[in-house]
Protein backbone atom coordinates (compact mmCIF):
# COMPACT_ATOMS: atom_id res chain seq x y z
CA MET A 1 -1.83 29.13 3.03
CA THR A 2 -4.14 27.74 5.58
CA ALA A 3 -2.90 27.93 9.25
CA SER A 4 -4.33 24.58 10.33
CA LEU A 5 -2.90 22.05 7.85
CA PRO A 6 -2.61 18.38 8.79
CA ARG A 7 0.77 17.33 10.19
CA THR A 8 0.37 13.59 9.16
CA ALA A 9 -0.93 11.76 6.11
CA ARG A 10 -1.85 8.14 5.74
CA GLU A 11 -0.74 6.23 2.76
CA VAL A 12 -1.18 2.68 1.40
CA ARG A 13 2.24 0.92 1.02
CA LEU A 14 3.19 -2.50 -0.54
CA ALA A 15 4.15 -4.58 2.58
CA ALA A 16 5.29 -7.51 0.48
CA VAL A 17 5.52 -8.55 -3.16
CA PRO A 18 2.87 -11.33 -3.81
CA GLU A 19 3.69 -14.51 -5.66
CA GLY A 20 0.18 -14.53 -7.05
CA LEU A 21 -2.73 -12.19 -6.72
CA PRO A 22 -2.35 -9.72 -3.92
CA THR A 23 -4.39 -10.04 -0.76
CA ARG A 24 -4.79 -7.88 2.37
CA GLU A 25 -1.52 -8.99 3.98
CA HIS A 26 0.47 -7.56 1.00
CA PHE A 27 -0.47 -3.92 1.93
CA THR A 28 -0.22 -1.78 5.02
CA VAL A 29 -1.42 1.62 5.93
CA ALA A 30 1.38 3.92 7.16
CA THR A 31 1.07 7.26 8.92
CA THR A 32 3.89 9.69 7.73
CA PRO A 33 4.82 13.22 8.59
CA LEU A 34 3.40 15.81 6.12
CA SER A 35 5.70 18.71 5.12
CA GLN A 36 4.37 22.13 4.45
CA PRO A 37 3.88 22.87 0.65
CA GLY A 38 6.92 24.15 -1.15
CA PRO A 39 6.89 27.24 -3.45
CA ASP A 40 5.57 25.15 -6.53
CA GLN A 41 3.54 22.60 -4.55
CA VAL A 42 -0.07 22.42 -3.49
CA LEU A 43 -1.47 20.19 -0.71
CA VAL A 44 -4.42 18.25 -1.91
CA ARG A 45 -6.95 16.26 0.19
CA ASN A 46 -7.69 13.20 -1.89
CA ARG A 47 -11.50 12.37 -2.25
CA HIS A 48 -11.39 9.45 -4.77
CA PHE A 49 -8.72 7.40 -6.37
CA LEU A 50 -8.48 4.82 -9.08
CA VAL A 51 -7.50 1.21 -8.60
CA PHE A 52 -6.20 0.88 -12.08
CA PRO A 53 -5.35 -2.52 -13.57
CA GLY A 54 -1.82 -1.58 -14.49
CA LEU A 55 -0.89 -1.28 -11.05
CA ARG A 56 -0.76 -5.03 -10.57
CA THR A 57 1.71 -5.16 -13.44
CA LEU A 58 3.93 -2.66 -11.53
CA ILE A 59 3.97 -4.65 -8.29
CA GLY A 60 7.26 -6.62 -8.28
CA ALA A 61 7.91 -6.13 -11.89
CA ASP A 62 11.36 -5.91 -13.34
CA GLY A 63 10.51 -2.49 -14.78
CA ASP A 64 12.91 -2.44 -17.83
CA ASP A 65 9.95 -2.40 -20.29
CA LEU A 66 7.40 -0.48 -18.23
CA PRO A 67 6.30 3.15 -18.80
CA LEU A 68 6.10 3.58 -14.93
CA PRO A 69 8.38 2.62 -12.21
CA PRO A 70 7.97 -0.74 -10.69
CA LEU A 71 6.71 -1.06 -7.05
CA ARG A 72 8.88 -2.82 -4.41
CA SER A 73 8.22 -3.76 -0.89
CA GLY A 74 7.76 -0.60 1.22
CA ASP A 75 6.80 1.70 -1.67
CA THR A 76 3.60 3.76 -1.56
CA LEU A 77 1.15 2.94 -4.16
CA PHE A 78 0.13 5.64 -6.69
CA GLY A 79 -2.45 6.31 -9.39
CA PRO A 80 -5.07 8.81 -10.59
CA ALA A 81 -6.80 10.71 -7.84
CA VAL A 82 -9.37 13.50 -7.59
CA GLY A 83 -8.87 15.78 -4.75
CA GLU A 84 -9.46 19.28 -3.31
CA VAL A 85 -6.62 21.82 -2.95
CA VAL A 86 -6.28 22.66 0.79
CA ALA A 87 -3.16 24.84 0.59
CA ALA A 88 -1.58 26.61 -2.36
CA PRO A 89 1.03 29.40 -2.65
CA ALA A 90 -0.28 32.86 -3.45
CA ASP A 91 1.43 32.76 -6.79
CA SER A 92 -0.09 29.38 -7.76
CA PRO A 93 -2.61 29.01 -10.49
CA LEU A 94 -4.47 26.74 -8.23
CA ARG A 95 -6.58 28.04 -5.32
CA THR A 96 -7.83 26.50 -2.17
CA GLY A 97 -11.12 24.76 -2.85
CA ASP A 98 -10.20 23.82 -6.50
CA ALA A 99 -10.84 20.20 -7.60
CA VAL A 100 -7.94 18.65 -9.27
CA VAL A 101 -6.85 15.41 -10.85
CA HIS A 102 -3.16 14.05 -10.10
CA MET A 103 -1.26 10.80 -9.77
CA LEU A 104 -0.65 10.57 -6.06
CA GLY A 105 -3.70 8.47 -5.14
CA TRP A 106 -3.62 5.82 -2.30
CA ARG A 107 -3.18 8.51 0.44
CA ASP A 108 -5.50 10.95 2.18
CA TYR A 109 -3.30 13.97 1.62
CA ALA A 110 -0.68 14.55 -1.08
CA LEU A 111 2.00 17.18 -1.66
CA VAL A 112 1.77 17.65 -5.45
CA SER A 113 3.62 19.87 -7.85
CA ALA A 114 0.97 22.41 -9.12
CA THR A 115 2.20 21.54 -12.77
CA ASP A 116 1.18 17.83 -12.02
CA CYS A 117 -2.40 18.76 -11.20
CA THR A 118 -5.06 19.22 -13.85
CA PRO A 119 -7.97 21.21 -12.64
CA VAL A 120 -11.41 19.63 -12.88
CA ASP A 121 -14.21 21.59 -14.28
CA ASP A 122 -17.92 20.92 -14.26
CA THR A 123 -18.07 19.29 -17.66
CA LEU A 124 -18.82 15.90 -16.26
CA PRO A 125 -21.49 15.41 -13.74
CA ASP A 126 -19.22 14.31 -10.73
CA PRO A 127 -15.61 14.87 -10.28
CA VAL A 128 -14.99 11.12 -9.72
CA ALA A 129 -15.92 10.56 -13.55
CA TYR A 130 -12.56 12.10 -14.27
CA LEU A 131 -11.07 8.79 -13.01
CA SER A 132 -12.86 6.85 -15.83
CA PRO A 133 -10.80 4.43 -17.92
CA GLY A 134 -10.94 6.95 -20.79
CA SER A 135 -9.05 9.57 -18.83
CA ALA A 136 -6.47 6.88 -18.00
CA ALA A 137 -5.98 6.36 -21.73
CA TYR A 138 -5.74 10.06 -22.29
CA GLY A 139 -3.25 10.33 -19.49
CA ALA A 140 -1.13 7.55 -20.88
CA LEU A 141 -1.18 9.24 -24.37
CA THR A 142 -0.44 12.68 -23.21
CA ARG A 143 1.88 12.24 -20.26
CA LEU A 144 3.56 8.80 -20.53
CA ALA A 145 3.80 7.87 -24.25
CA ASP A 146 6.16 9.82 -26.40
CA VAL A 147 3.62 10.22 -29.25
CA ARG A 148 4.60 12.65 -31.84
CA ALA A 149 3.16 13.88 -35.09
CA GLY A 150 3.47 11.21 -37.75
CA ASP A 151 3.30 8.30 -35.26
CA ILE A 152 0.83 5.55 -35.71
CA VAL A 153 -1.41 4.87 -32.66
CA LEU A 154 -3.39 1.63 -32.75
CA VAL A 155 -6.88 2.01 -31.14
CA THR A 156 -8.49 -1.37 -30.44
CA GLY A 157 -11.56 -2.67 -28.47
CA ALA A 158 -9.51 -5.61 -27.65
CA ALA A 159 -7.42 -3.48 -25.32
CA GLY A 160 -10.48 -3.13 -22.87
CA ALA A 161 -12.19 -0.11 -21.61
CA PRO A 162 -9.37 2.42 -22.17
CA ALA A 163 -9.56 2.00 -25.89
CA ARG A 164 -13.30 2.56 -26.10
CA PRO A 165 -13.84 6.26 -25.16
CA ARG A 166 -12.43 8.41 -27.85
CA PRO A 167 -9.79 7.80 -30.26
CA SER A 168 -9.71 11.66 -30.69
CA SER A 169 -7.24 11.70 -27.73
CA ALA A 170 -4.75 9.88 -30.00
CA LEU A 171 -5.66 11.90 -32.91
CA ALA A 172 -5.01 15.05 -31.14
CA ARG A 173 -1.33 13.77 -30.58
CA ALA A 174 -0.58 11.94 -33.73
CA PRO A 175 -2.42 12.55 -36.92
CA THR A 176 -1.99 8.97 -38.27
CA THR A 177 -4.20 6.38 -36.57
């Protein structure tokens, strides 16, 4: 592990649940103490994060029918992020300098379980490309939806950008589309 790790992190929090569209006063930036990474964690310095449309649905939602937890006043926002590992345990599959994608965006540093990080390779021309809507759809299918063999997955252009990239992400999870 690196000896000079940051002691604090900045994160964006929901200051108040808006009645309509959120504006600047509904958010705040908080500085919080940053713990040292635990045995199965890595410390990631976020470089880019996605402002995904579903976040608005989660702000102040009831949450009963949502695949992600609703956000309440005081909660830290989250979402897909691309970052660089700045500290990792010796036995971690991730190394300092590795680029990874994870779900703890909206902060400059994040302590993330190594298993919740996906290494980024050089397949795409820029690591920020991993935050495209197609990767969000893939993440929803592979991490949030309980898609099993034999399930029917509807892929439609009416769903917006996430439906456009590759239906093959659904096909890999469920043979019936």
